[in-house]
N, C-alpha and C. Protein backbone atom coordinates (compact mmCIF):
# COMPACT_ATOMS: atom_id res chain seq x y z
N MET A 1 1.07 -1.24 -0.01
CA MET A 1 0.42 0.05 0.01
C MET A 1 0.85 1.14 0.05
N ASP A 2 1.03 2.01 -1.12
CA ASP A 2 1.33 3.29 -0.86
C ASP A 2 1.00 4.20 0.12
N PHE A 3 1.56 5.23 0.19
CA PHE A 3 1.75 6.16 0.49
C PHE A 3 0.19 7.11 0.78
N LYS A 4 0.12 7.37 -0.27
CA LYS A 4 -1.39 7.97 -0.55
C LYS A 4 -2.63 6.65 -0.44
N GLU A 5 -2.61 5.88 -0.37
CA GLU A 5 -3.63 4.09 0.06
C GLU A 5 -3.81 4.46 1.26
N LYS A 6 -2.45 4.88 2.28
CA LYS A 6 -2.81 4.50 3.44
C LYS A 6 -3.46 5.98 3.94
N VAL A 7 -3.28 6.79 3.77
CA VAL A 7 -3.75 8.12 3.72
C VAL A 7 -5.18 8.47 3.75
N LEU A 8 -5.30 7.79 2.24
CA LEU A 8 -6.90 7.66 2.28
C LEU A 8 -7.46 6.83 2.84
N GLN A 9 -6.81 5.39 3.39
CA GLN A 9 -7.99 4.32 3.95
C GLN A 9 -7.73 4.91 5.53
N VAL A 10 -7.13 5.71 6.10
CA VAL A 10 -7.24 7.04 7.62
C VAL A 10 -8.31 7.54 7.05
N ILE A 11 -8.49 8.56 6.54
CA ILE A 11 -9.68 9.45 5.83
C ILE A 11 -10.75 8.64 6.10
N ALA A 12 -11.00 7.48 5.33
CA ALA A 12 -12.29 7.06 5.40
C ALA A 12 -12.71 5.61 6.90
N GLU A 13 -11.47 5.76 7.14
CA GLU A 13 -11.97 5.58 8.69
C GLU A 13 -12.61 6.47 10.03
N VAL A 14 -11.86 7.60 9.30
CA VAL A 14 -12.21 8.26 10.77
C VAL A 14 -14.56 8.91 10.18
N CYS A 15 -13.82 9.18 8.77
CA CYS A 15 -14.77 9.45 7.65
C CYS A 15 -16.23 8.74 8.26
N GLU A 16 -15.85 7.47 7.78
CA GLU A 16 -16.90 6.06 8.09
C GLU A 16 -17.43 5.86 6.90
N ASP A 17 -16.90 6.60 5.91
CA ASP A 17 -17.05 5.60 4.20
C ASP A 17 -16.08 6.02 3.68
N ASP A 18 -16.20 5.16 2.62
CA ASP A 18 -15.40 4.33 1.37
C ASP A 18 -15.01 5.71 0.33
N VAL A 19 -16.61 6.71 0.31
CA VAL A 19 -16.15 7.96 -1.17
C VAL A 19 -15.55 8.48 -1.12
N VAL A 20 -14.75 8.74 0.00
CA VAL A 20 -13.05 9.35 -0.10
C VAL A 20 -12.37 8.73 -0.76
N LYS A 21 -12.08 7.24 -1.12
CA LYS A 21 -11.11 6.91 -2.03
C LYS A 21 -11.26 7.40 -3.27
N GLU A 22 -12.56 7.20 -3.24
CA GLU A 22 -12.91 7.17 -4.75
C GLU A 22 -12.93 8.52 -5.41
N GLU A 23 -13.51 9.54 -4.78
CA GLU A 23 -14.05 11.43 -4.75
C GLU A 23 -12.85 11.76 -4.07
N HIS A 24 -11.15 12.27 -4.56
CA HIS A 24 -10.55 13.05 -4.07
C HIS A 24 -10.58 13.97 -3.44
N ASP A 25 -11.53 14.56 -4.91
CA ASP A 25 -11.74 16.41 -4.54
C ASP A 25 -12.76 16.35 -4.09
N LEU A 26 -13.19 15.46 -3.41
CA LEU A 26 -14.84 16.05 -2.21
C LEU A 26 -14.27 16.95 -1.41
N ASP A 27 -14.88 17.73 -0.86
CA ASP A 27 -14.98 18.37 0.12
C ASP A 27 -15.67 17.44 1.50
N ILE A 28 -14.98 16.91 2.14
CA ILE A 28 -15.59 16.45 3.24
C ILE A 28 -16.46 17.08 4.49
N PHE A 29 -16.08 18.08 4.67
CA PHE A 29 -16.55 19.30 5.53
C PHE A 29 -17.50 19.43 5.02
N GLU A 30 -18.07 19.91 4.09
CA GLU A 30 -19.25 20.22 3.02
C GLU A 30 -20.30 18.70 2.94
N ALA A 31 -19.28 18.17 2.66
CA ALA A 31 -19.97 16.54 2.35
C ALA A 31 -20.80 15.95 3.80
N GLY A 32 -20.66 16.94 4.91
CA GLY A 32 -20.95 16.06 5.98
C GLY A 32 -20.30 15.17 6.63
N LEU A 33 -19.06 14.82 5.91
CA LEU A 33 -18.50 13.23 6.49
C LEU A 33 -17.47 13.54 7.43
N ILE A 34 -17.40 14.70 8.13
CA ILE A 34 -16.19 15.46 9.19
C ILE A 34 -16.06 16.66 9.66
N ASP A 35 -16.85 16.13 11.18
CA ASP A 35 -16.63 17.85 11.77
C ASP A 35 -15.84 17.77 13.16
N SER A 36 -15.59 19.09 13.48
CA SER A 36 -14.45 19.36 14.57
C SER A 36 -13.94 18.25 15.67
N PHE A 37 -14.57 17.42 15.64
CA PHE A 37 -14.67 16.23 16.81
C PHE A 37 -14.11 14.95 15.92
N ALA A 38 -14.14 14.92 14.72
CA ALA A 38 -13.62 13.86 13.84
C ALA A 38 -11.85 14.91 13.24
N THR A 39 -12.09 15.48 12.93
CA THR A 39 -11.22 16.32 12.91
C THR A 39 -9.93 16.02 13.88
N VAL A 40 -10.39 16.04 15.27
CA VAL A 40 -9.25 15.82 15.63
C VAL A 40 -8.21 14.06 15.80
N GLU A 41 -9.87 13.46 15.89
CA GLU A 41 -9.38 11.69 15.87
C GLU A 41 -8.88 11.69 14.78
N LEU A 42 -8.77 11.83 13.43
CA LEU A 42 -8.10 12.52 12.29
C LEU A 42 -6.79 12.77 12.69
N LEU A 43 -6.03 14.16 13.25
CA LEU A 43 -5.17 14.56 13.56
C LEU A 43 -4.69 13.10 14.17
N VAL A 44 -5.13 12.48 15.25
CA VAL A 44 -4.71 11.50 15.93
C VAL A 44 -4.68 10.20 15.57
N GLN A 45 -4.99 9.65 14.53
CA GLN A 45 -4.90 8.34 13.39
C GLN A 45 -4.09 9.08 12.62
N PHE A 46 -3.33 10.31 12.18
CA PHE A 46 -2.78 10.53 11.22
C PHE A 46 -1.43 10.04 11.89
N GLU A 47 -0.97 10.18 13.23
CA GLU A 47 -0.27 10.54 14.55
C GLU A 47 0.22 8.70 14.15
N GLU A 48 -0.93 7.88 14.66
CA GLU A 48 -1.23 6.49 15.32
C GLU A 48 -0.40 6.03 14.06
N GLN A 49 -1.08 6.25 12.73
CA GLN A 49 -0.89 4.63 12.29
C GLN A 49 0.39 5.34 11.11
N LEU A 50 0.20 6.93 10.60
CA LEU A 50 1.37 7.27 9.66
C LEU A 50 3.12 7.72 10.22
N ASP A 51 2.59 7.92 11.67
CA ASP A 51 3.75 8.09 12.51
C ASP A 51 4.45 10.28 12.17
N ILE A 52 2.75 10.71 11.41
CA ILE A 52 2.83 11.80 11.19
C ILE A 52 2.02 12.81 11.97
N ASN A 53 3.24 13.81 12.84
CA ASN A 53 2.48 15.09 14.02
C ASN A 53 1.98 16.05 13.75
N VAL A 54 0.50 16.20 12.94
CA VAL A 54 -0.23 17.45 12.73
C VAL A 54 -0.41 18.19 13.88
N PRO A 55 0.28 19.34 14.10
CA PRO A 55 0.17 20.31 15.82
C PRO A 55 -1.87 20.75 14.64
N ILE A 56 -3.06 20.99 15.88
CA ILE A 56 -3.82 21.10 15.83
C ILE A 56 -3.97 22.81 15.22
N THR A 57 -3.08 23.84 15.45
CA THR A 57 -2.28 24.48 15.20
C THR A 57 -2.65 25.09 13.90
N GLU A 58 -1.89 23.89 12.97
CA GLU A 58 -1.73 23.92 11.62
C GLU A 58 -2.50 23.28 9.83
N PHE A 59 -3.31 23.14 11.43
CA PHE A 59 -4.91 22.24 10.84
C PHE A 59 -5.52 23.17 9.57
N ASP A 60 -5.99 23.98 8.72
CA ASP A 60 -7.05 24.70 8.25
C ASP A 60 -7.84 24.12 7.11
N ARG A 61 -9.04 24.26 7.58
CA ARG A 61 -10.48 23.97 7.32
C ARG A 61 -10.40 23.83 5.39
N ASP A 62 -9.37 24.96 5.50
CA ASP A 62 -9.56 25.66 3.70
C ASP A 62 -8.74 25.12 3.02
N THR A 63 -7.64 24.69 3.53
CA THR A 63 -6.47 23.63 3.12
C THR A 63 -6.74 22.20 3.51
N TRP A 64 -7.31 22.01 4.23
CA TRP A 64 -7.45 20.60 4.58
C TRP A 64 -8.79 19.49 4.37
N ASN A 65 -9.18 20.68 3.15
CA ASN A 65 -10.92 19.44 3.15
C ASN A 65 -11.22 19.03 2.19
N THR A 66 -10.13 18.02 1.49
CA THR A 66 -10.17 16.59 0.29
C THR A 66 -9.14 16.12 0.55
N PRO A 67 -9.50 15.13 0.10
CA PRO A 67 -8.58 13.73 0.24
C PRO A 67 -7.48 14.20 -0.34
N ASN A 68 -7.46 14.94 -1.39
CA ASN A 68 -5.98 14.83 -2.44
C ASN A 68 -5.34 16.12 -1.23
N ALA A 69 -5.54 17.00 -1.23
CA ALA A 69 -5.24 18.14 0.20
C ALA A 69 -4.68 17.37 0.82
N ILE A 70 -5.29 16.99 1.68
CA ILE A 70 -4.84 16.49 3.11
C ILE A 70 -3.41 15.05 2.71
N VAL A 71 -3.88 14.16 1.40
CA VAL A 71 -2.23 13.38 1.11
C VAL A 71 -1.55 14.90 1.03
N ASP A 72 -1.79 16.34 0.20
CA ASP A 72 -0.37 16.55 -0.13
C ASP A 72 -0.03 17.48 1.46
N ARG A 73 -0.84 17.40 2.00
CA ARG A 73 -0.06 18.29 3.04
C ARG A 73 0.41 17.53 3.66
N LEU A 74 0.21 16.42 4.18
CA LEU A 74 0.98 15.38 4.93
C LEU A 74 2.14 14.62 4.47
N ASN A 75 1.99 15.10 3.24
CA ASN A 75 3.62 14.62 1.93
C ASN A 75 4.53 16.10 2.60
N GLU A 76 3.65 17.14 3.09
CA GLU A 76 4.76 18.28 3.25
C GLU A 76 6.04 18.10 5.03
N LEU A 77 5.05 17.39 5.38
CA LEU A 77 5.38 17.29 7.11
C LEU A 77 5.83 16.17 7.28
N LYS A 78 5.60 15.00 6.47
CA LYS A 78 6.08 13.39 6.26
C LYS A 78 7.79 13.64 6.54
């Protein structure tokens, strides 16, 4: 499993919807797949499963809103 697939798997688990694995430009906030509580869980899972620490202060909903954007940001942080 490559890095992008791993990230998509984590997002799908937290969102409880595999649609994020297929629609990489889907705005997960506008689609109602994730809220502020799930956002915290997403960041925790990135650290636990991918060993990437994302400080909550660096999380901006406008730049972390799609699976593709999340993969890009995590690539920058790893």
